[in-house]
Protein backbone atom coordinates (compact mmCIF):
# COMPACT_ATOMS: atom_id res chain seq x y z
CA MET A 1 -2.01 -22.69 19.23
CA LYS A 2 -0.26 -22.21 22.53
CA GLN A 3 -2.45 -20.58 25.17
CA LEU A 4 -1.04 -17.84 27.38
CA PHE A 5 -3.14 -17.09 30.45
CA GLY A 6 -6.29 -18.07 28.58
CA ARG A 7 -5.59 -15.80 25.61
CA ARG A 8 -4.32 -16.81 22.22
CA ARG A 9 -0.74 -15.79 21.60
CA ASP A 10 -1.67 -14.03 18.33
CA ALA A 11 -4.12 -11.82 20.24
CA LEU A 12 -1.17 -10.48 22.22
CA HIS A 13 1.13 -10.29 19.21
CA PRO A 14 -0.93 -9.83 16.03
CA GLU A 15 2.28 -9.59 13.98
CA LYS A 16 2.83 -13.27 14.84
CA ALA A 17 -0.63 -14.38 13.71
CA ALA A 18 -0.85 -18.03 12.81
CA ARG A 19 -0.50 -18.96 9.18
CA PRO A 20 -3.51 -20.87 7.94
CA LYS A 21 -2.95 -24.37 6.60
CA ASN A 22 -3.71 -22.92 3.22
CA ARG A 23 -3.41 -19.53 1.60
CA ALA A 24 -6.03 -17.96 -0.58
CA ALA A 25 -6.61 -15.21 -3.13
CA GLN A 26 -9.46 -14.07 -5.32
CA VAL A 27 -9.14 -12.77 -8.84
CA TYR A 28 -12.03 -10.86 -10.36
CA LEU A 29 -12.15 -10.01 -14.05
CA ARG A 30 -14.28 -7.03 -14.93
CA GLY A 31 -13.98 -5.46 -18.35
CA ASP A 32 -10.30 -5.32 -19.25
CA LYS A 33 -8.97 -5.37 -15.65
CA TYR A 34 -8.09 -8.05 -13.13
CA PHE A 35 -8.62 -7.26 -9.44
CA VAL A 36 -6.38 -9.49 -7.31
CA ALA A 37 -7.23 -9.65 -3.60
CA THR A 38 -5.62 -11.47 -0.71
CA SER A 39 -8.00 -13.61 1.34
CA SER A 40 -7.20 -14.14 5.02
CA GLN A 41 -8.93 -16.32 7.56
CA THR A 42 -10.59 -14.66 10.54
CA ARG A 43 -10.42 -15.96 14.09
CA ASP A 44 -14.02 -17.09 13.53
CA GLY A 45 -12.86 -19.32 10.67
CA PHE A 46 -14.26 -17.57 7.60
CA TRP A 47 -12.27 -15.98 4.81
CA MET A 48 -12.43 -12.33 3.75
CA ALA A 49 -10.62 -9.87 1.51
CA ASP A 50 -7.68 -8.46 3.43
CA GLY A 51 -5.42 -5.58 2.49
CA SER A 52 -4.82 -3.80 -0.75
CA VAL A 53 -5.98 -5.04 -4.15
CA ALA A 54 -3.76 -5.15 -7.23
CA VAL A 55 -5.38 -3.85 -10.41
CA ILE A 56 -3.78 -5.43 -13.47
CA GLY A 57 -4.55 -4.82 -17.15
CA LYS A 58 -5.88 -7.87 -18.98
CA GLY A 59 -2.85 -8.05 -21.29
CA ASP A 60 -0.25 -8.02 -18.49
CA ALA A 61 0.39 -11.75 -17.92
CA ALA A 62 3.59 -11.22 -15.92
CA GLY A 63 1.89 -8.61 -13.72
CA LEU A 64 -1.03 -10.96 -13.05
CA ASN A 65 1.32 -13.79 -12.10
CA ARG A 66 3.27 -11.52 -9.71
CA ALA A 67 0.09 -10.10 -8.15
CA VAL A 68 -1.39 -13.57 -7.49
CA ARG A 69 1.88 -14.85 -5.98
CA PHE A 70 2.06 -11.78 -3.75
CA ALA A 71 -1.59 -12.11 -2.68
CA LEU A 72 -1.03 -15.77 -1.72
CA GLN A 73 2.12 -14.84 0.19
CA ARG A 74 0.21 -12.19 2.20
CA SER A 75 -2.65 -14.53 3.13
CA LYS A 76 -2.75 -15.21 6.85
CA GLY A 77 -4.88 -16.59 9.63
CA GLY A 78 -6.17 -15.14 12.85
CA ILE A 79 -7.27 -11.73 11.61
CA GLN A 80 -9.98 -9.89 13.47
CA ALA A 81 -13.32 -9.73 11.69
CA PRO A 82 -14.91 -6.28 11.65
CA LYS A 83 -17.18 -5.65 14.61
CA ASP A 84 -19.34 -3.36 12.48
CA TRP A 85 -19.75 -4.79 8.97
CA SER A 86 -21.67 -1.74 7.81
CA ALA A 87 -18.53 0.35 8.35
CA TRP A 88 -16.19 -2.17 6.68
CA LYS A 89 -14.81 -1.06 3.33
CA ASN A 90 -14.41 -3.93 0.86
CA PRO A 91 -10.94 -3.42 -0.67
CA VAL A 92 -12.07 -4.89 -4.02
CA LEU A 93 -14.89 -2.34 -4.30
CA GLU A 94 -12.57 0.49 -3.33
CA ALA A 95 -10.02 -0.55 -5.98
CA ALA A 96 -12.73 -0.82 -8.64
CA GLY A 97 -14.44 2.44 -7.65
CA TYR A 98 -17.78 0.92 -6.61
CA LYS A 99 -19.83 1.43 -3.46
CA ARG A 100 -22.08 -1.63 -3.79
CA PHE A 101 -21.02 -5.18 -4.52
CA SER A 102 -24.19 -5.79 -6.53
CA ALA A 103 -23.10 -3.10 -9.02
CA PHE A 104 -19.53 -4.44 -9.22
CA GLU A 105 -20.54 -8.07 -9.76
CA LYS A 106 -22.65 -7.26 -12.85
CA GLY A 107 -20.45 -8.46 -15.67
CA ALA A 108 -17.68 -9.66 -13.34
CA LEU A 109 -16.09 -13.11 -13.31
CA LEU A 110 -14.41 -14.69 -10.29
CA VAL A 111 -11.71 -17.31 -9.78
CA GLY A 112 -10.75 -18.48 -6.30
CA ILE A 113 -7.15 -19.57 -5.82
CA ASP A 114 -6.08 -21.77 -2.92
CA GLU A 115 -2.55 -22.89 -2.06
CA LYS A 116 -2.01 -25.95 0.14
CA ALA A 117 1.43 -27.41 0.68
CA ASP A 118 2.74 -28.18 -2.81
CA ARG A 119 -0.48 -27.59 -4.83
CA ILE A 120 -2.37 -24.55 -6.08
CA SER A 121 -6.02 -25.03 -6.96
CA PHE A 122 -8.21 -22.87 -9.17
CA MET A 123 -11.98 -22.70 -8.66
CA PRO A 124 -14.07 -20.95 -11.31
CA TYR A 125 -17.23 -19.29 -10.04
CA GLU A 126 -20.42 -18.83 -12.00
CA ASN A 127 -21.97 -15.38 -11.72
CA LEU A 128 -25.67 -15.88 -10.98
CA GLY A 129 -26.47 -12.18 -10.73
CA LYS A 130 -28.56 -11.40 -7.65
CA GLU A 131 -27.80 -14.87 -6.27
CA GLY A 132 -24.07 -14.08 -6.22
CA PHE A 133 -21.14 -16.24 -7.25
CA HIS A 134 -21.33 -20.04 -6.97
CA GLY A 135 -18.28 -22.30 -7.14
CA ARG A 136 -18.12 -24.73 -10.03
CA VAL A 137 -16.46 -27.52 -8.08
CA GLU A 138 -16.66 -29.92 -11.01
CA LEU A 139 -14.39 -27.58 -13.03
CA ALA A 140 -11.79 -26.91 -10.31
CA PHE A 141 -8.24 -28.09 -11.01
CA GLU A 142 -4.75 -28.04 -9.48
CA VAL A 143 -1.20 -27.35 -10.58
CA PRO A 144 2.10 -27.81 -8.71
CA ALA A 145 2.82 -24.83 -6.40
CA ASP A 146 6.22 -24.39 -8.01
CA SER A 147 4.71 -23.79 -11.46
CA PRO A 148 6.60 -20.75 -12.77
CA ASP A 149 3.62 -19.06 -14.44
CA LEU A 150 0.09 -19.25 -13.02
CA THR A 151 -1.42 -17.01 -15.70
CA PRO A 152 -2.40 -19.81 -18.14
CA SER A 153 -4.19 -21.64 -15.30
CA ILE A 154 -6.00 -18.45 -14.29
CA GLU A 155 -7.12 -17.89 -17.88
CA ILE A 156 -8.41 -21.48 -18.16
CA ALA A 157 -10.33 -21.03 -14.90
CA PHE A 158 -11.90 -17.83 -16.24
CA GLU A 159 -12.96 -19.68 -19.41
CA ASN A 160 -14.73 -22.16 -17.11
CA CYS A 161 -16.68 -19.40 -15.36
CA ARG A 162 -19.03 -19.05 -18.32
C-alpha cells in the first residue's frame, strides 16, 4: 500500500479501501431462513460482519445464490474496527431479531465462504453451543469461482455441519 506522508492512502480516501486478496461471506441457517452476511477485513487484519444481511427463505435457491455472490462482491479490506465493541451492532443479530449471539447460535448452522482468485471454498462449522462455532477443515471443499450456481455447494456444506 502506497504511503502518503506516513498515512495509508485508504485512511484518507476510505472509498478507495484496498481489496483483500480474498473475499469472504458467512451464511447462517436458522430454522427456515438463511442469513447471508458480507465479511470484510479490518485494518488490524481480522474479519467481521460488514453491512446489511440478506435474509433468504430456505426454498429460494436463486435468491441464496444471488445473495452470496453479492456478499462476496461487497467484501473489502481496510475497514475500521469499532473502537467500542459494546456499542457495535452485529448486523446478523439485527437481521434475525436477536440481541445476544448466544441466543441466535442455538440451533443455527454456519458455513464460511471464501473467494480467492478463481476458486470459492466452503467451510462447514460445527456448532458446539457455548464453545461457539468451530471450522471443520477436513470437510472444506472448493469449486471454480465461475460456477453458475453456488447453492448446491452451500447445501452440501450445511450437511457437513452436523
